[in-house]
């Protein structure tokens, strides 16, 4: 390849496609309006867990949550109606405790609650298995619209604000 061709991208492109036959235009692609049913419908948990999660899992929200509401939740400005403290719970007992807690929040005014998981300082590898299990349970729960790490005054990394569906 000569040096002149290296400086002329158009010429280089034409040379690289020499001998190539263009595809015939076969019209517009056909798009089907029928829904696909290749298999069984997804499980309820799979549908409920759909949402946006940031990389470290400290923020989750479903589509439809207003940006203003999410911003207020993250800033700790929503009134916390109920609190569940999971200190002393195990990885096994955490999901049932959260499900029961959210189920008991059936007052229409209970929109924002807080769950304290702890930071895991006394856990092996300093990773809170209760925290990890709690976040997984919250993502799957159909009444959870959003959650985020709490403000430092409320526990910071060791607690979460949860926005519930009324």
N, C-alpha and C. Protein backbone atom coordinates (compact mmCIF):
# COMPACT_ATOMS: atom_id res chain seq x y z
N UNK A 1 0.86 -1.18 0.00
CA UNK A 1 0.00 0.00 0.00
C UNK A 1 0.90 1.23 0.00
N UNK A 2 0.60 2.16 -0.90
CA UNK A 2 1.47 3.32 -0.99
C UNK A 2 1.11 4.35 0.08
N UNK A 3 2.04 5.25 0.37
CA UNK A 3 1.86 6.25 1.42
C UNK A 3 0.75 7.23 1.11
N UNK A 4 0.50 7.49 -0.18
CA UNK A 4 -0.54 8.43 -0.58
C UNK A 4 -1.92 7.91 -0.18
N UNK A 5 -2.10 6.60 -0.33
CA UNK A 5 -3.40 5.99 -0.01
C UNK A 5 -3.68 6.09 1.50
N UNK A 6 -2.66 6.02 2.33
CA UNK A 6 -2.83 6.09 3.78
C UNK A 6 -3.42 7.44 4.20
N UNK A 7 -3.18 8.49 3.41
CA UNK A 7 -3.65 9.83 3.77
C UNK A 7 -4.97 10.19 3.09
N UNK A 8 -5.49 9.31 2.25
CA UNK A 8 -6.75 9.57 1.56
C UNK A 8 -7.75 8.49 1.96
N UNK A 9 -8.58 8.74 3.00
CA UNK A 9 -9.49 7.71 3.49
C UNK A 9 -10.51 7.27 2.44
N UNK A 10 -10.97 8.18 1.57
CA UNK A 10 -11.94 7.79 0.54
C UNK A 10 -11.32 6.79 -0.43
N UNK A 11 -10.13 7.07 -0.86
CA UNK A 11 -9.43 6.17 -1.79
C UNK A 11 -9.16 4.82 -1.13
N UNK A 12 -8.76 4.86 0.14
CA UNK A 12 -8.50 3.62 0.88
C UNK A 12 -9.78 2.79 0.99
N UNK A 13 -10.90 3.45 1.27
CA UNK A 13 -12.18 2.73 1.38
C UNK A 13 -12.56 2.10 0.04
N UNK A 14 -12.49 2.89 -1.05
CA UNK A 14 -12.85 2.36 -2.37
C UNK A 14 -11.99 1.16 -2.74
N UNK A 15 -10.71 1.23 -2.42
CA UNK A 15 -9.81 0.11 -2.72
C UNK A 15 -10.19 -1.12 -1.89
N UNK A 16 -10.59 -0.91 -0.63
CA UNK A 16 -10.91 -2.05 0.25
C UNK A 16 -12.21 -2.74 -0.15
N UNK A 17 -13.12 -2.04 -0.82
CA UNK A 17 -14.39 -2.66 -1.20
C UNK A 17 -14.44 -3.02 -2.69
N UNK A 18 -13.31 -2.94 -3.36
CA UNK A 18 -13.25 -3.33 -4.77
C UNK A 18 -13.65 -4.79 -4.90
N UNK A 19 -14.56 -5.07 -5.81
CA UNK A 19 -14.99 -6.44 -6.05
C UNK A 19 -16.16 -6.88 -5.18
N UNK A 20 -16.62 -6.04 -4.30
CA UNK A 20 -17.76 -6.38 -3.44
C UNK A 20 -19.04 -6.04 -4.19
N UNK A 21 -19.99 -6.96 -4.18
CA UNK A 21 -21.27 -6.74 -4.84
C UNK A 21 -22.29 -6.27 -3.80
N UNK A 22 -22.94 -5.12 -4.04
CA UNK A 22 -23.95 -4.64 -3.08
C UNK A 22 -25.15 -5.58 -3.04
N UNK A 23 -25.78 -5.67 -1.88
CA UNK A 23 -27.00 -6.46 -1.73
C UNK A 23 -28.14 -5.74 -2.42
N UNK A 24 -29.07 -6.52 -2.96
CA UNK A 24 -30.25 -5.92 -3.57
C UNK A 24 -31.17 -5.43 -2.46
N UNK A 25 -31.82 -4.29 -2.67
CA UNK A 25 -32.79 -3.77 -1.71
C UNK A 25 -34.04 -4.63 -1.80
N UNK A 26 -34.40 -5.26 -0.72
CA UNK A 26 -35.55 -6.16 -0.72
C UNK A 26 -36.75 -5.52 -0.04
N UNK A 27 -36.79 -4.23 0.03
CA UNK A 27 -37.93 -3.54 0.64
C UNK A 27 -37.75 -3.39 2.14
N UNK A 28 -38.79 -2.90 2.77
CA UNK A 28 -38.77 -2.68 4.21
C UNK A 28 -38.87 -4.00 4.95
N UNK A 29 -38.23 -4.11 6.11
CA UNK A 29 -38.37 -5.33 6.89
C UNK A 29 -39.81 -5.48 7.41
N UNK A 30 -40.25 -6.70 7.51
CA UNK A 30 -41.60 -6.97 8.01
C UNK A 30 -41.54 -7.05 9.52
N UNK A 31 -42.40 -6.27 10.18
CA UNK A 31 -42.45 -6.26 11.63
C UNK A 31 -43.79 -6.85 12.05
N UNK A 32 -43.74 -7.85 12.89
CA UNK A 32 -44.95 -8.49 13.36
C UNK A 32 -45.46 -7.80 14.61
N UNK A 33 -46.77 -7.61 14.69
CA UNK A 33 -47.37 -7.02 15.87
C UNK A 33 -47.80 -8.06 16.88
N UNK A 34 -47.62 -9.33 16.54
CA UNK A 34 -48.01 -10.40 17.45
C UNK A 34 -46.98 -10.52 18.56
N UNK A 35 -47.45 -10.82 19.77
CA UNK A 35 -46.52 -11.03 20.87
C UNK A 35 -45.94 -12.43 20.76
N UNK A 36 -44.69 -12.54 21.15
CA UNK A 36 -44.02 -13.83 21.09
C UNK A 36 -44.37 -14.65 22.31
N UNK A 37 -44.54 -15.92 22.10
CA UNK A 37 -44.78 -16.82 23.23
C UNK A 37 -43.93 -18.06 23.03
N UNK A 38 -42.61 -17.85 23.10
CA UNK A 38 -41.67 -18.94 22.91
C UNK A 38 -41.61 -19.88 24.10
N UNK A 39 -42.13 -19.47 25.22
CA UNK A 39 -42.05 -20.30 26.41
C UNK A 39 -43.03 -19.81 27.44
N UNK A 40 -42.90 -20.34 28.65
CA UNK A 40 -43.82 -19.92 29.70
C UNK A 40 -43.58 -18.46 30.07
N UNK A 41 -44.61 -17.80 30.61
CA UNK A 41 -44.43 -16.40 31.01
C UNK A 41 -43.42 -16.31 32.15
N UNK A 42 -42.74 -15.16 32.28
CA UNK A 42 -41.78 -15.02 33.37
C UNK A 42 -42.48 -15.09 34.72
N UNK A 43 -41.71 -15.48 35.72
CA UNK A 43 -42.26 -15.58 37.07
C UNK A 43 -42.56 -14.19 37.60
N UNK A 44 -43.48 -14.12 38.57
CA UNK A 44 -43.86 -12.83 39.15
C UNK A 44 -42.66 -12.12 39.75
N UNK A 45 -41.75 -12.85 40.37
CA UNK A 45 -40.56 -12.25 40.96
C UNK A 45 -39.67 -11.60 39.92
N UNK A 46 -39.61 -12.21 38.74
CA UNK A 46 -38.79 -11.66 37.67
C UNK A 46 -39.38 -10.34 37.18
N UNK A 47 -40.69 -10.28 37.08
CA UNK A 47 -41.34 -9.05 36.65
C UNK A 47 -41.17 -7.98 37.71
N UNK A 48 -41.39 -8.35 38.95
CA UNK A 48 -41.32 -7.38 40.04
C UNK A 48 -39.92 -6.82 40.21
N UNK A 49 -38.88 -7.60 39.89
CA UNK A 49 -37.54 -7.13 40.13
C UNK A 49 -37.02 -6.23 39.02
N UNK A 50 -37.80 -6.06 37.95
CA UNK A 50 -37.33 -5.20 36.87
C UNK A 50 -37.29 -3.76 37.38
N UNK A 51 -36.22 -3.11 37.12
CA UNK A 51 -36.03 -1.74 37.57
C UNK A 51 -34.59 -1.36 37.32
N UNK A 52 -34.22 -0.17 37.70
CA UNK A 52 -32.86 0.30 37.49
C UNK A 52 -32.11 0.26 38.80
N UNK A 53 -30.93 -0.32 38.76
CA UNK A 53 -30.09 -0.44 39.94
C UNK A 53 -28.74 0.16 39.59
N UNK A 54 -28.17 0.97 40.48
CA UNK A 54 -26.84 1.49 40.19
C UNK A 54 -25.81 0.40 40.45
N UNK A 55 -24.56 0.66 40.12
CA UNK A 55 -23.53 -0.37 40.13
C UNK A 55 -23.31 -1.03 41.48
N UNK A 56 -23.38 -0.29 42.57
CA UNK A 56 -23.14 -0.92 43.86
C UNK A 56 -24.43 -1.33 44.57
N UNK A 57 -25.57 -1.16 43.93
CA UNK A 57 -26.84 -1.64 44.47
C UNK A 57 -27.48 -0.75 45.52
N UNK A 58 -26.91 0.43 45.79
CA UNK A 58 -27.45 1.31 46.82
C UNK A 58 -28.64 2.13 46.35
N UNK A 59 -28.95 2.07 45.07
CA UNK A 59 -30.08 2.81 44.52
C UNK A 59 -30.84 1.90 43.57
N UNK A 60 -32.15 1.84 43.76
CA UNK A 60 -33.02 1.05 42.89
C UNK A 60 -34.30 1.84 42.69
N UNK A 61 -34.80 1.87 41.47
CA UNK A 61 -36.10 2.49 41.24
C UNK A 61 -36.74 1.88 40.00
N UNK A 62 -38.05 1.79 40.05
CA UNK A 62 -38.81 1.25 38.93
C UNK A 62 -39.17 2.39 37.98
N UNK A 63 -39.44 2.03 36.74
CA UNK A 63 -39.86 3.06 35.80
C UNK A 63 -41.19 3.63 36.29
N UNK A 64 -41.36 4.91 36.10
CA UNK A 64 -42.58 5.57 36.54
C UNK A 64 -42.40 6.37 37.82
N UNK A 65 -41.32 6.12 38.56
CA UNK A 65 -41.06 6.91 39.77
C UNK A 65 -40.57 8.29 39.31
N UNK A 66 -41.24 9.33 39.77
CA UNK A 66 -40.89 10.67 39.34
C UNK A 66 -39.50 11.06 39.84
N UNK A 67 -38.78 11.79 39.00
CA UNK A 67 -37.42 12.21 39.36
C UNK A 67 -37.42 13.05 40.64
N UNK A 68 -38.42 13.91 40.78
CA UNK A 68 -38.49 14.76 41.97
C UNK A 68 -38.67 13.91 43.22
N UNK A 69 -39.54 12.91 43.16
CA UNK A 69 -39.77 12.03 44.31
C UNK A 69 -38.51 11.25 44.64
N UNK A 70 -37.82 10.76 43.62
CA UNK A 70 -36.57 10.02 43.83
C UNK A 70 -35.51 10.93 44.46
N UNK A 71 -35.43 12.16 44.00
CA UNK A 71 -34.46 13.11 44.55
C UNK A 71 -34.77 13.39 46.03
N UNK A 72 -36.05 13.56 46.35
CA UNK A 72 -36.45 13.80 47.74
C UNK A 72 -36.14 12.58 48.61
N UNK A 73 -36.35 11.39 48.07
CA UNK A 73 -36.04 10.16 48.81
C UNK A 73 -34.55 10.10 49.10
N UNK A 74 -33.72 10.35 48.10
CA UNK A 74 -32.26 10.28 48.27
C UNK A 74 -31.75 11.32 49.26
N UNK A 75 -32.41 12.46 49.33
CA UNK A 75 -31.99 13.52 50.25
C UNK A 75 -32.54 13.33 51.66
N UNK A 76 -33.35 12.29 51.84
CA UNK A 76 -33.92 12.02 53.16
C UNK A 76 -35.00 13.00 53.56
N UNK A 77 -35.68 13.58 52.60
CA UNK A 77 -36.68 14.62 52.89
C UNK A 77 -38.11 14.10 52.97
N UNK A 78 -38.31 12.81 52.70
CA UNK A 78 -39.66 12.25 52.84
C UNK A 78 -39.85 11.79 54.28
N UNK A 79 -41.06 11.94 54.78
CA UNK A 79 -41.36 11.54 56.16
C UNK A 79 -41.27 10.02 56.26
N UNK A 80 -40.48 9.54 57.22
CA UNK A 80 -40.34 8.10 57.44
C UNK A 80 -41.46 7.67 58.37
N UNK A 81 -42.31 6.78 57.87
CA UNK A 81 -43.49 6.37 58.62
C UNK A 81 -43.23 5.18 59.54
N UNK A 82 -42.40 4.26 59.14
CA UNK A 82 -42.11 3.06 59.94
C UNK A 82 -40.63 2.71 59.78
N UNK A 83 -40.07 2.01 60.78
CA UNK A 83 -38.67 1.59 60.74
C UNK A 83 -38.57 0.13 61.14
N UNK A 84 -37.75 -0.62 60.40
CA UNK A 84 -37.44 -2.01 60.75
C UNK A 84 -35.94 -2.10 60.96
N UNK A 85 -35.53 -2.55 62.14
CA UNK A 85 -34.12 -2.73 62.46
C UNK A 85 -33.78 -4.21 62.35
N UNK A 86 -32.89 -4.56 61.41
CA UNK A 86 -32.53 -5.95 61.17
C UNK A 86 -31.27 -6.39 61.91
N UNK A 87 -30.77 -5.57 62.83
CA UNK A 87 -29.62 -6.00 63.64
C UNK A 87 -30.00 -7.27 64.38
N UNK A 88 -29.16 -8.27 64.31
CA UNK A 88 -29.42 -9.54 64.99
C UNK A 88 -30.14 -10.55 64.12
N UNK A 89 -30.62 -10.14 62.95
CA UNK A 89 -31.28 -11.08 62.04
C UNK A 89 -30.22 -11.86 61.26
N UNK A 90 -30.62 -13.00 60.74
CA UNK A 90 -29.71 -13.81 59.93
C UNK A 90 -30.08 -13.67 58.46
N UNK A 91 -29.22 -14.18 57.62
CA UNK A 91 -29.48 -14.17 56.19
C UNK A 91 -30.77 -14.92 55.88
N UNK A 92 -31.05 -15.97 56.63
CA UNK A 92 -32.24 -16.78 56.40
C UNK A 92 -33.51 -16.09 56.87
N UNK A 93 -33.45 -15.38 57.99
CA UNK A 93 -34.66 -14.77 58.55
C UNK A 93 -34.99 -13.39 57.95
N UNK A 94 -34.05 -12.80 57.25
CA UNK A 94 -34.23 -11.45 56.71
C UNK A 94 -35.39 -11.32 55.71
N UNK A 95 -35.49 -12.18 54.68
CA UNK A 95 -36.58 -12.00 53.71
C UNK A 95 -37.97 -12.05 54.33
N UNK A 96 -38.20 -12.98 55.24
CA UNK A 96 -39.52 -13.09 55.88
C UNK A 96 -39.81 -11.85 56.73
N UNK A 97 -38.80 -11.34 57.42
CA UNK A 97 -38.99 -10.14 58.25
C UNK A 97 -39.36 -8.94 57.38
N UNK A 98 -38.69 -8.79 56.25
CA UNK A 98 -38.97 -7.66 55.35
C UNK A 98 -40.36 -7.79 54.74
N UNK A 99 -40.70 -8.98 54.28
CA UNK A 99 -42.02 -9.21 53.69
C UNK A 99 -43.12 -8.92 54.69
N UNK A 100 -42.94 -9.38 55.92
CA UNK A 100 -43.93 -9.14 56.97
C UNK A 100 -44.03 -7.65 57.29
N UNK A 101 -42.88 -6.98 57.37
CA UNK A 101 -42.84 -5.55 57.67
C UNK A 101 -43.58 -4.75 56.60
N UNK A 102 -43.28 -5.02 55.34
CA UNK A 102 -43.93 -4.28 54.25
C UNK A 102 -45.42 -4.60 54.23
N UNK A 103 -45.77 -5.84 54.51
CA UNK A 103 -47.18 -6.22 54.56
C UNK A 103 -47.94 -5.49 55.66
N UNK A 104 -47.25 -5.18 56.76
CA UNK A 104 -47.91 -4.49 57.87
C UNK A 104 -48.05 -2.99 57.60
N UNK A 105 -47.38 -2.49 56.58
CA UNK A 105 -47.45 -1.07 56.22
C UNK A 105 -48.58 -0.85 55.23
N UNK A 106 -49.81 -1.15 55.65
CA UNK A 106 -50.93 -1.01 54.73
C UNK A 106 -51.74 0.25 54.97
N UNK A 107 -51.29 1.12 55.84
CA UNK A 107 -51.90 2.43 56.01
C UNK A 107 -51.53 3.25 54.77
N UNK A 108 -52.51 3.90 54.11
CA UNK A 108 -52.19 4.65 52.90
C UNK A 108 -51.15 5.75 53.12
N UNK A 109 -50.96 6.16 54.36
CA UNK A 109 -49.96 7.19 54.64
C UNK A 109 -48.55 6.63 54.69
N UNK A 110 -48.41 5.30 54.81
CA UNK A 110 -47.09 4.68 54.87
C UNK A 110 -46.51 4.56 53.47
N UNK A 111 -45.90 5.64 53.01
CA UNK A 111 -45.29 5.59 51.70
C UNK A 111 -43.78 5.44 51.80
N UNK A 112 -43.15 6.03 52.79
CA UNK A 112 -41.71 5.95 52.96
C UNK A 112 -41.40 5.27 54.28
N UNK A 113 -40.61 4.20 54.21
CA UNK A 113 -40.19 3.49 55.42
C UNK A 113 -38.67 3.37 55.39
N UNK A 114 -38.10 2.95 56.50
CA UNK A 114 -36.66 2.78 56.56
C UNK A 114 -36.35 1.40 57.11
N UNK A 115 -35.35 0.76 56.52
CA UNK A 115 -34.86 -0.52 57.01
C UNK A 115 -33.39 -0.34 57.36
N UNK A 116 -33.05 -0.70 58.59
CA UNK A 116 -31.67 -0.62 59.07
C UNK A 116 -31.07 -2.02 58.96
N UNK A 117 -30.04 -2.14 58.14
CA UNK A 117 -29.40 -3.45 57.95
C UNK A 117 -28.10 -3.56 58.72
N UNK A 118 -27.52 -2.45 59.05
CA UNK A 118 -26.18 -2.46 59.63
C UNK A 118 -25.15 -2.44 58.51
N UNK A 119 -23.93 -2.14 58.87
CA UNK A 119 -22.87 -1.99 57.87
C UNK A 119 -22.04 -3.25 57.69
N UNK A 120 -22.24 -4.23 58.55
CA UNK A 120 -21.50 -5.48 58.42
C UNK A 120 -20.09 -5.43 58.98
N UNK A 121 -19.83 -4.52 59.88
CA UNK A 121 -18.48 -4.39 60.45
C UNK A 121 -18.04 -5.64 61.20
N UNK A 122 -18.99 -6.38 61.78
CA UNK A 122 -18.64 -7.58 62.53
C UNK A 122 -18.78 -8.85 61.70
N UNK A 123 -19.11 -8.71 60.43
CA UNK A 123 -19.28 -9.87 59.55
C UNK A 123 -17.94 -10.28 58.96
N UNK A 124 -17.84 -11.56 58.56
CA UNK A 124 -16.61 -11.99 57.89
C UNK A 124 -16.41 -11.14 56.63
N UNK A 125 -15.20 -10.76 56.35
CA UNK A 125 -14.85 -9.92 55.21
C UNK A 125 -15.53 -8.55 55.26
N UNK A 126 -16.11 -8.21 56.40
CA UNK A 126 -16.77 -6.92 56.61
C UNK A 126 -17.84 -6.63 55.55
N UNK A 127 -18.50 -7.69 55.09
CA UNK A 127 -19.60 -7.57 54.13
C UNK A 127 -20.86 -8.06 54.82
N UNK A 128 -21.87 -7.23 54.89
CA UNK A 128 -23.10 -7.58 55.57
C UNK A 128 -23.97 -8.47 54.68
N UNK A 129 -24.09 -9.75 55.07
CA UNK A 129 -24.95 -10.66 54.31
C UNK A 129 -26.42 -10.29 54.50
N UNK A 130 -26.75 -9.73 55.65
CA UNK A 130 -28.13 -9.27 55.89
C UNK A 130 -28.46 -8.13 54.94
N UNK A 131 -27.53 -7.22 54.76
CA UNK A 131 -27.72 -6.08 53.85
C UNK A 131 -27.92 -6.57 52.42
N UNK A 132 -27.05 -7.46 51.97
CA UNK A 132 -27.14 -8.01 50.61
C UNK A 132 -28.48 -8.72 50.40
N UNK A 133 -28.88 -9.53 51.37
CA UNK A 133 -30.15 -10.26 51.28
C UNK A 133 -31.32 -9.29 51.31
N UNK A 134 -31.24 -8.26 52.14
CA UNK A 134 -32.32 -7.28 52.24
C UNK A 134 -32.53 -6.56 50.91
N UNK A 135 -31.45 -6.14 50.28
CA UNK A 135 -31.56 -5.42 49.01
C UNK A 135 -32.13 -6.31 47.91
N UNK A 136 -31.72 -7.56 47.91
CA UNK A 136 -32.26 -8.51 46.93
C UNK A 136 -33.77 -8.70 47.15
N UNK A 137 -34.17 -8.83 48.41
CA UNK A 137 -35.58 -8.99 48.74
C UNK A 137 -36.39 -7.76 48.35
N UNK A 138 -35.84 -6.58 48.60
CA UNK A 138 -36.54 -5.33 48.25
C UNK A 138 -36.73 -5.20 46.74
N UNK A 139 -35.71 -5.57 45.96
CA UNK A 139 -35.83 -5.48 44.50
C UNK A 139 -36.94 -6.38 43.97
N UNK A 140 -37.17 -7.50 44.63
CA UNK A 140 -38.18 -8.46 44.16
C UNK A 140 -39.58 -8.16 44.67
N UNK A 141 -39.70 -7.34 45.70
CA UNK A 141 -41.01 -7.10 46.31
C UNK A 141 -41.84 -6.17 45.42
N UNK A 142 -43.07 -6.57 45.07
CA UNK A 142 -43.89 -5.76 44.16
C UNK A 142 -44.32 -4.40 44.70
N UNK A 143 -44.34 -4.21 46.01
CA UNK A 143 -44.74 -2.91 46.56
C UNK A 143 -43.59 -1.92 46.65
N UNK A 144 -42.37 -2.36 46.43
CA UNK A 144 -41.22 -1.47 46.53
C UNK A 144 -41.04 -0.74 45.19
N UNK A 145 -41.23 0.57 45.23
CA UNK A 145 -41.04 1.40 44.04
C UNK A 145 -39.60 1.85 43.90
N UNK A 146 -38.94 2.12 45.03
CA UNK A 146 -37.57 2.61 45.00
C UNK A 146 -36.94 2.41 46.38
N UNK A 147 -35.62 2.34 46.39
CA UNK A 147 -34.89 2.41 47.65
C UNK A 147 -33.55 3.08 47.39
N UNK A 148 -33.00 3.64 48.44
CA UNK A 148 -31.67 4.24 48.34
C UNK A 148 -31.03 4.23 49.72
N UNK A 149 -29.73 4.37 49.72
CA UNK A 149 -28.95 4.44 50.96
C UNK A 149 -29.40 5.70 51.72
N UNK A 150 -29.47 5.59 53.03
CA UNK A 150 -29.95 6.72 53.83
C UNK A 150 -28.87 7.78 54.01
N UNK A 151 -29.28 8.92 54.49
CA UNK A 151 -28.36 10.00 54.82
C UNK A 151 -27.54 9.60 56.05
N UNK A 152 -26.34 10.15 56.22
CA UNK A 152 -25.50 9.80 57.37
C UNK A 152 -26.20 9.95 58.71
N UNK A 153 -27.06 10.94 58.86
CA UNK A 153 -27.76 11.16 60.12
C UNK A 153 -28.70 10.00 60.45
N UNK A 154 -29.15 9.26 59.42
CA UNK A 154 -30.07 8.13 59.61
C UNK A 154 -29.37 6.78 59.53
N UNK A 155 -28.06 6.77 59.42
CA UNK A 155 -27.34 5.50 59.38
C UNK A 155 -26.47 5.31 58.16
N UNK A 156 -26.59 6.19 57.17
CA UNK A 156 -25.75 6.12 55.99
C UNK A 156 -25.84 4.78 55.28
N UNK A 157 -24.68 4.19 55.04
CA UNK A 157 -24.56 2.93 54.31
C UNK A 157 -25.29 1.78 54.99
N UNK A 158 -25.57 1.89 56.26
CA UNK A 158 -26.20 0.80 57.01
C UNK A 158 -27.71 0.86 57.10
N UNK A 159 -28.34 1.77 56.36
CA UNK A 159 -29.80 1.88 56.39
C UNK A 159 -30.30 2.34 55.02
N UNK A 160 -31.56 2.06 54.74
CA UNK A 160 -32.15 2.39 53.45
C UNK A 160 -33.51 3.02 53.60
N UNK A 161 -33.76 4.04 52.77
CA UNK A 161 -35.10 4.59 52.64
C UNK A 161 -35.79 3.78 51.56
N UNK A 162 -37.04 3.41 51.80
CA UNK A 162 -37.80 2.61 50.84
C UNK A 162 -39.09 3.33 50.53
N UNK A 163 -39.35 3.52 49.25
CA UNK A 163 -40.59 4.13 48.78
C UNK A 163 -41.54 3.01 48.40
N UNK A 164 -42.69 2.97 49.07
CA UNK A 164 -43.66 1.89 48.84
C UNK A 164 -44.81 2.36 47.96
N UNK A 165 -45.33 1.42 47.21
CA UNK A 165 -46.56 1.65 46.44
C UNK A 165 -47.70 1.73 47.45
N UNK A 166 -48.57 2.71 47.31
CA UNK A 166 -49.68 2.88 48.25
C UNK A 166 -50.72 1.83 48.07
